[in-house]
Amino acid sequence: MGTLATVLAKKKIRTFQDRFKATVTGDIEDVDGVLKITRIQVHYLLKLPDEQRADAEEGFNNYIHLCPGAQSVIGCIEIEDELEMEPLPA
């Protein structure tokens, strides 16, 4: 969350607690008799003004190569991430 929040902040997109959250799940499988985390799914929810949607999409599409956690496990654990955007309530 931190890396994506930093990327969004550079685009002037606020990521306050009531606007930005992530739900993370994972799959653990038996691989040759050893339990292994094989997949991590991250679902981001971001509430923002409609005019910032394109910037948020661009930031989301580019943040993962800057993320230390993701870069530490890519190649060992499959990472699936998605960004759901909702308009800010008026």
N, C-alpha and C. Protein backbone atom coordinates (compact mmCIF):
# COMPACT_ATOMS: atom_id res chain seq x y z
N MET A 1 0.82 -1.19 0.00
CA MET A 1 0.00 0.00 0.00
C MET A 1 0.86 1.25 0.00
N GLY A 2 1.95 1.19 0.72
CA GLY A 2 2.78 2.38 0.87
C GLY A 2 3.37 2.87 -0.43
N THR A 3 3.85 1.96 -1.25
CA THR A 3 4.45 2.37 -2.52
C THR A 3 3.39 2.96 -3.44
N LEU A 4 2.24 2.33 -3.53
CA LEU A 4 1.17 2.88 -4.37
C LEU A 4 0.72 4.23 -3.83
N ALA A 5 0.59 4.37 -2.52
CA ALA A 5 0.19 5.65 -1.93
C ALA A 5 1.21 6.74 -2.26
N THR A 6 2.49 6.41 -2.24
CA THR A 6 3.54 7.38 -2.59
C THR A 6 3.43 7.81 -4.04
N VAL A 7 3.21 6.85 -4.92
CA VAL A 7 3.06 7.16 -6.35
C VAL A 7 1.83 8.04 -6.56
N LEU A 8 0.72 7.72 -5.89
CA LEU A 8 -0.50 8.52 -6.02
C LEU A 8 -0.31 9.92 -5.45
N ALA A 9 0.42 10.02 -4.34
CA ALA A 9 0.67 11.33 -3.73
C ALA A 9 1.43 12.25 -4.69
N LYS A 10 2.34 11.70 -5.45
CA LYS A 10 3.08 12.50 -6.43
C LYS A 10 2.16 13.03 -7.51
N LYS A 11 1.01 12.38 -7.69
CA LYS A 11 0.02 12.83 -8.67
C LYS A 11 -1.09 13.65 -8.00
N LYS A 12 -0.85 14.04 -6.73
CA LYS A 12 -1.80 14.86 -5.95
C LYS A 12 -3.11 14.13 -5.68
N ILE A 13 -3.04 12.80 -5.57
CA ILE A 13 -4.21 12.00 -5.24
C ILE A 13 -4.10 11.61 -3.77
N ARG A 14 -5.08 12.01 -2.99
CA ARG A 14 -5.05 11.76 -1.55
C ARG A 14 -5.40 10.31 -1.24
N THR A 15 -4.70 9.77 -0.26
CA THR A 15 -4.91 8.38 0.12
C THR A 15 -5.19 8.27 1.63
N PHE A 16 -6.05 9.15 2.11
CA PHE A 16 -6.43 9.08 3.52
C PHE A 16 -7.11 7.75 3.80
N GLN A 17 -7.15 7.37 5.07
CA GLN A 17 -7.70 6.08 5.48
C GLN A 17 -9.13 5.85 4.99
N ASP A 18 -9.94 6.91 4.94
CA ASP A 18 -11.32 6.74 4.49
C ASP A 18 -11.45 6.69 2.96
N ARG A 19 -10.34 6.87 2.25
CA ARG A 19 -10.36 6.88 0.79
C ARG A 19 -9.59 5.73 0.14
N PHE A 20 -8.73 5.07 0.90
CA PHE A 20 -7.80 4.11 0.31
C PHE A 20 -7.65 2.92 1.24
N LYS A 21 -7.90 1.72 0.70
CA LYS A 21 -7.67 0.52 1.49
C LYS A 21 -7.30 -0.63 0.57
N ALA A 22 -6.74 -1.66 1.18
CA ALA A 22 -6.36 -2.84 0.42
C ALA A 22 -6.84 -4.08 1.16
N THR A 23 -7.32 -5.03 0.40
CA THR A 23 -7.66 -6.34 0.93
C THR A 23 -6.68 -7.32 0.30
N VAL A 24 -5.98 -8.05 1.15
CA VAL A 24 -4.94 -8.95 0.66
C VAL A 24 -5.28 -10.37 1.07
N THR A 25 -5.24 -11.28 0.10
CA THR A 25 -5.45 -12.69 0.36
C THR A 25 -4.32 -13.46 -0.31
N GLY A 26 -4.19 -14.71 0.06
CA GLY A 26 -3.14 -15.51 -0.54
C GLY A 26 -3.52 -16.97 -0.60
N ASP A 27 -2.80 -17.69 -1.42
CA ASP A 27 -2.99 -19.13 -1.56
C ASP A 27 -1.76 -19.84 -1.05
N ILE A 28 -1.99 -20.85 -0.21
CA ILE A 28 -0.92 -21.69 0.29
C ILE A 28 -1.16 -23.09 -0.26
N GLU A 29 -0.14 -23.65 -0.88
CA GLU A 29 -0.27 -24.96 -1.51
C GLU A 29 0.84 -25.89 -1.05
N ASP A 30 0.55 -27.16 -1.14
CA ASP A 30 1.56 -28.18 -0.86
C ASP A 30 2.40 -28.34 -2.12
N VAL A 31 3.66 -28.00 -2.02
CA VAL A 31 4.58 -28.15 -3.15
C VAL A 31 5.66 -29.13 -2.73
N ASP A 32 5.58 -30.33 -3.26
CA ASP A 32 6.53 -31.40 -2.92
C ASP A 32 6.64 -31.62 -1.41
N GLY A 33 5.48 -31.60 -0.74
CA GLY A 33 5.46 -31.87 0.69
C GLY A 33 5.75 -30.67 1.58
N VAL A 34 5.92 -29.50 0.98
CA VAL A 34 6.20 -28.28 1.75
C VAL A 34 5.10 -27.27 1.46
N LEU A 35 4.52 -26.70 2.52
CA LEU A 35 3.52 -25.66 2.33
C LEU A 35 4.21 -24.38 1.88
N LYS A 36 3.71 -23.83 0.78
CA LYS A 36 4.32 -22.65 0.17
C LYS A 36 3.24 -21.63 -0.16
N ILE A 37 3.53 -20.36 0.06
CA ILE A 37 2.67 -19.29 -0.46
C ILE A 37 2.94 -19.23 -1.96
N THR A 38 1.92 -19.46 -2.75
CA THR A 38 2.12 -19.49 -4.20
C THR A 38 1.50 -18.30 -4.91
N ARG A 39 0.54 -17.64 -4.25
CA ARG A 39 -0.15 -16.54 -4.92
C ARG A 39 -0.62 -15.54 -3.87
N ILE A 40 -0.47 -14.27 -4.19
CA ILE A 40 -0.99 -13.18 -3.35
C ILE A 40 -1.89 -12.32 -4.23
N GLN A 41 -3.10 -12.08 -3.74
CA GLN A 41 -4.04 -11.20 -4.47
C GLN A 41 -4.24 -9.93 -3.63
N VAL A 42 -4.08 -8.79 -4.29
CA VAL A 42 -4.27 -7.50 -3.62
C VAL A 42 -5.36 -6.74 -4.36
N HIS A 43 -6.40 -6.40 -3.63
CA HIS A 43 -7.51 -5.61 -4.18
C HIS A 43 -7.47 -4.24 -3.51
N TYR A 44 -7.15 -3.22 -4.29
CA TYR A 44 -7.12 -1.85 -3.78
C TYR A 44 -8.47 -1.20 -4.06
N LEU A 45 -8.94 -0.41 -3.11
CA LEU A 45 -10.13 0.41 -3.29
C LEU A 45 -9.71 1.85 -3.06
N LEU A 46 -9.97 2.70 -4.03
CA LEU A 46 -9.59 4.10 -3.97
C LEU A 46 -10.79 4.97 -4.31
N LYS A 47 -11.11 5.88 -3.41
CA LYS A 47 -12.18 6.85 -3.66
C LYS A 47 -11.51 8.17 -4.04
N LEU A 48 -11.92 8.72 -5.18
CA LEU A 48 -11.27 9.92 -5.69
C LEU A 48 -12.20 10.66 -6.63
N PRO A 49 -11.89 11.93 -6.89
CA PRO A 49 -12.67 12.68 -7.88
C PRO A 49 -12.50 12.07 -9.27
N ASP A 50 -13.56 12.13 -10.05
CA ASP A 50 -13.53 11.54 -11.40
C ASP A 50 -12.37 12.06 -12.25
N GLU A 51 -12.03 13.33 -12.09
CA GLU A 51 -10.98 13.92 -12.93
C GLU A 51 -9.58 13.36 -12.61
N GLN A 52 -9.43 12.60 -11.53
CA GLN A 52 -8.14 12.01 -11.18
C GLN A 52 -8.03 10.53 -11.56
N ARG A 53 -9.06 10.00 -12.15
CA ARG A 53 -9.07 8.56 -12.47
C ARG A 53 -7.92 8.16 -13.41
N ALA A 54 -7.68 8.93 -14.44
CA ALA A 54 -6.63 8.58 -15.41
C ALA A 54 -5.26 8.58 -14.73
N ASP A 55 -4.99 9.56 -13.87
CA ASP A 55 -3.72 9.61 -13.15
C ASP A 55 -3.59 8.43 -12.20
N ALA A 56 -4.68 8.05 -11.54
CA ALA A 56 -4.65 6.91 -10.62
C ALA A 56 -4.37 5.63 -11.39
N GLU A 57 -5.00 5.47 -12.52
CA GLU A 57 -4.78 4.28 -13.36
C GLU A 57 -3.32 4.20 -13.80
N GLU A 58 -2.77 5.33 -14.22
CA GLU A 58 -1.37 5.35 -14.65
C GLU A 58 -0.44 5.00 -13.48
N GLY A 59 -0.70 5.57 -12.32
CA GLY A 59 0.12 5.26 -11.15
C GLY A 59 0.03 3.80 -10.77
N PHE A 60 -1.16 3.25 -10.79
CA PHE A 60 -1.36 1.83 -10.47
C PHE A 60 -0.61 0.94 -11.46
N ASN A 61 -0.65 1.30 -12.72
CA ASN A 61 0.01 0.49 -13.75
C ASN A 61 1.53 0.52 -13.66
N ASN A 62 2.08 1.46 -12.87
CA ASN A 62 3.53 1.61 -12.81
C ASN A 62 4.15 1.45 -11.43
N TYR A 63 3.35 1.27 -10.39
CA TYR A 63 3.92 1.27 -9.03
C TYR A 63 4.69 0.00 -8.67
N ILE A 64 4.30 -1.13 -9.23
CA ILE A 64 4.82 -2.40 -8.73
C ILE A 64 6.33 -2.55 -8.93
N HIS A 65 6.88 -1.94 -9.96
CA HIS A 65 8.33 -2.05 -10.15
C HIS A 65 9.11 -1.23 -9.12
N LEU A 66 8.41 -0.37 -8.36
CA LEU A 66 9.03 0.41 -7.29
C LEU A 66 8.81 -0.20 -5.91
N CYS A 67 7.98 -1.22 -5.82
CA CYS A 67 7.57 -1.79 -4.53
C CYS A 67 8.60 -2.81 -4.02
N PRO A 68 9.25 -2.52 -2.90
CA PRO A 68 10.26 -3.44 -2.39
C PRO A 68 9.69 -4.82 -2.05
N GLY A 69 8.51 -4.87 -1.47
CA GLY A 69 7.91 -6.14 -1.12
C GLY A 69 7.63 -6.99 -2.34
N ALA A 70 7.00 -6.38 -3.33
CA ALA A 70 6.69 -7.11 -4.56
C ALA A 70 7.96 -7.55 -5.27
N GLN A 71 8.92 -6.66 -5.36
CA GLN A 71 10.16 -7.00 -6.06
C GLN A 71 10.94 -8.10 -5.35
N SER A 72 10.73 -8.23 -4.05
CA SER A 72 11.43 -9.27 -3.28
C SER A 72 10.89 -10.66 -3.57
N VAL A 73 9.61 -10.76 -3.97
CA VAL A 73 9.01 -12.09 -4.16
C VAL A 73 8.63 -12.42 -5.60
N ILE A 74 8.69 -11.43 -6.49
CA ILE A 74 8.37 -11.71 -7.89
C ILE A 74 9.31 -12.80 -8.40
N GLY A 75 8.76 -13.77 -9.06
CA GLY A 75 9.53 -14.91 -9.53
C GLY A 75 9.36 -16.12 -8.61
N CYS A 76 8.96 -15.86 -7.36
CA CYS A 76 8.72 -16.94 -6.40
C CYS A 76 7.24 -17.08 -6.07
N ILE A 77 6.56 -15.93 -6.01
CA ILE A 77 5.15 -15.89 -5.66
C ILE A 77 4.43 -15.07 -6.72
N GLU A 78 3.35 -15.61 -7.23
CA GLU A 78 2.55 -14.89 -8.22
C GLU A 78 1.80 -13.76 -7.51
N ILE A 79 1.85 -12.57 -8.07
CA ILE A 79 1.15 -11.42 -7.50
C ILE A 79 0.06 -10.98 -8.47
N GLU A 80 -1.16 -10.93 -7.97
CA GLU A 80 -2.28 -10.41 -8.75
C GLU A 80 -2.78 -9.17 -8.02
N ASP A 81 -2.87 -8.06 -8.73
CA ASP A 81 -3.38 -6.85 -8.09
C ASP A 81 -4.41 -6.19 -8.99
N GLU A 82 -5.34 -5.51 -8.34
CA GLU A 82 -6.37 -4.79 -9.09
C GLU A 82 -6.73 -3.53 -8.33
N LEU A 83 -7.16 -2.54 -9.08
CA LEU A 83 -7.56 -1.26 -8.50
C LEU A 83 -9.02 -1.00 -8.84
N GLU A 84 -9.82 -0.87 -7.80
CA GLU A 84 -11.22 -0.47 -7.95
C GLU A 84 -11.32 0.99 -7.55
N MET A 85 -11.91 1.78 -8.42
CA MET A 85 -12.05 3.21 -8.14
C MET A 85 -13.51 3.56 -7.97
N GLU A 86 -13.80 4.35 -6.94
CA GLU A 86 -15.15 4.84 -6.69
C GLU A 86 -15.11 6.36 -6.62
N PRO A 87 -16.18 7.01 -7.08
CA PRO A 87 -16.21 8.46 -6.96
C PRO A 87 -16.36 8.88 -5.51
N LEU A 88 -15.77 10.00 -5.17
CA LEU A 88 -15.93 10.55 -3.83
C LEU A 88 -17.38 10.99 -3.64
N PRO A 89 -17.98 10.70 -2.48
CA PRO A 89 -19.34 11.20 -2.26
C PRO A 89 -19.36 12.72 -2.23
N ALA A 90 -20.42 13.28 -2.74
CA ALA A 90 -20.52 14.75 -2.80
C ALA A 90 -20.76 15.36 -1.44
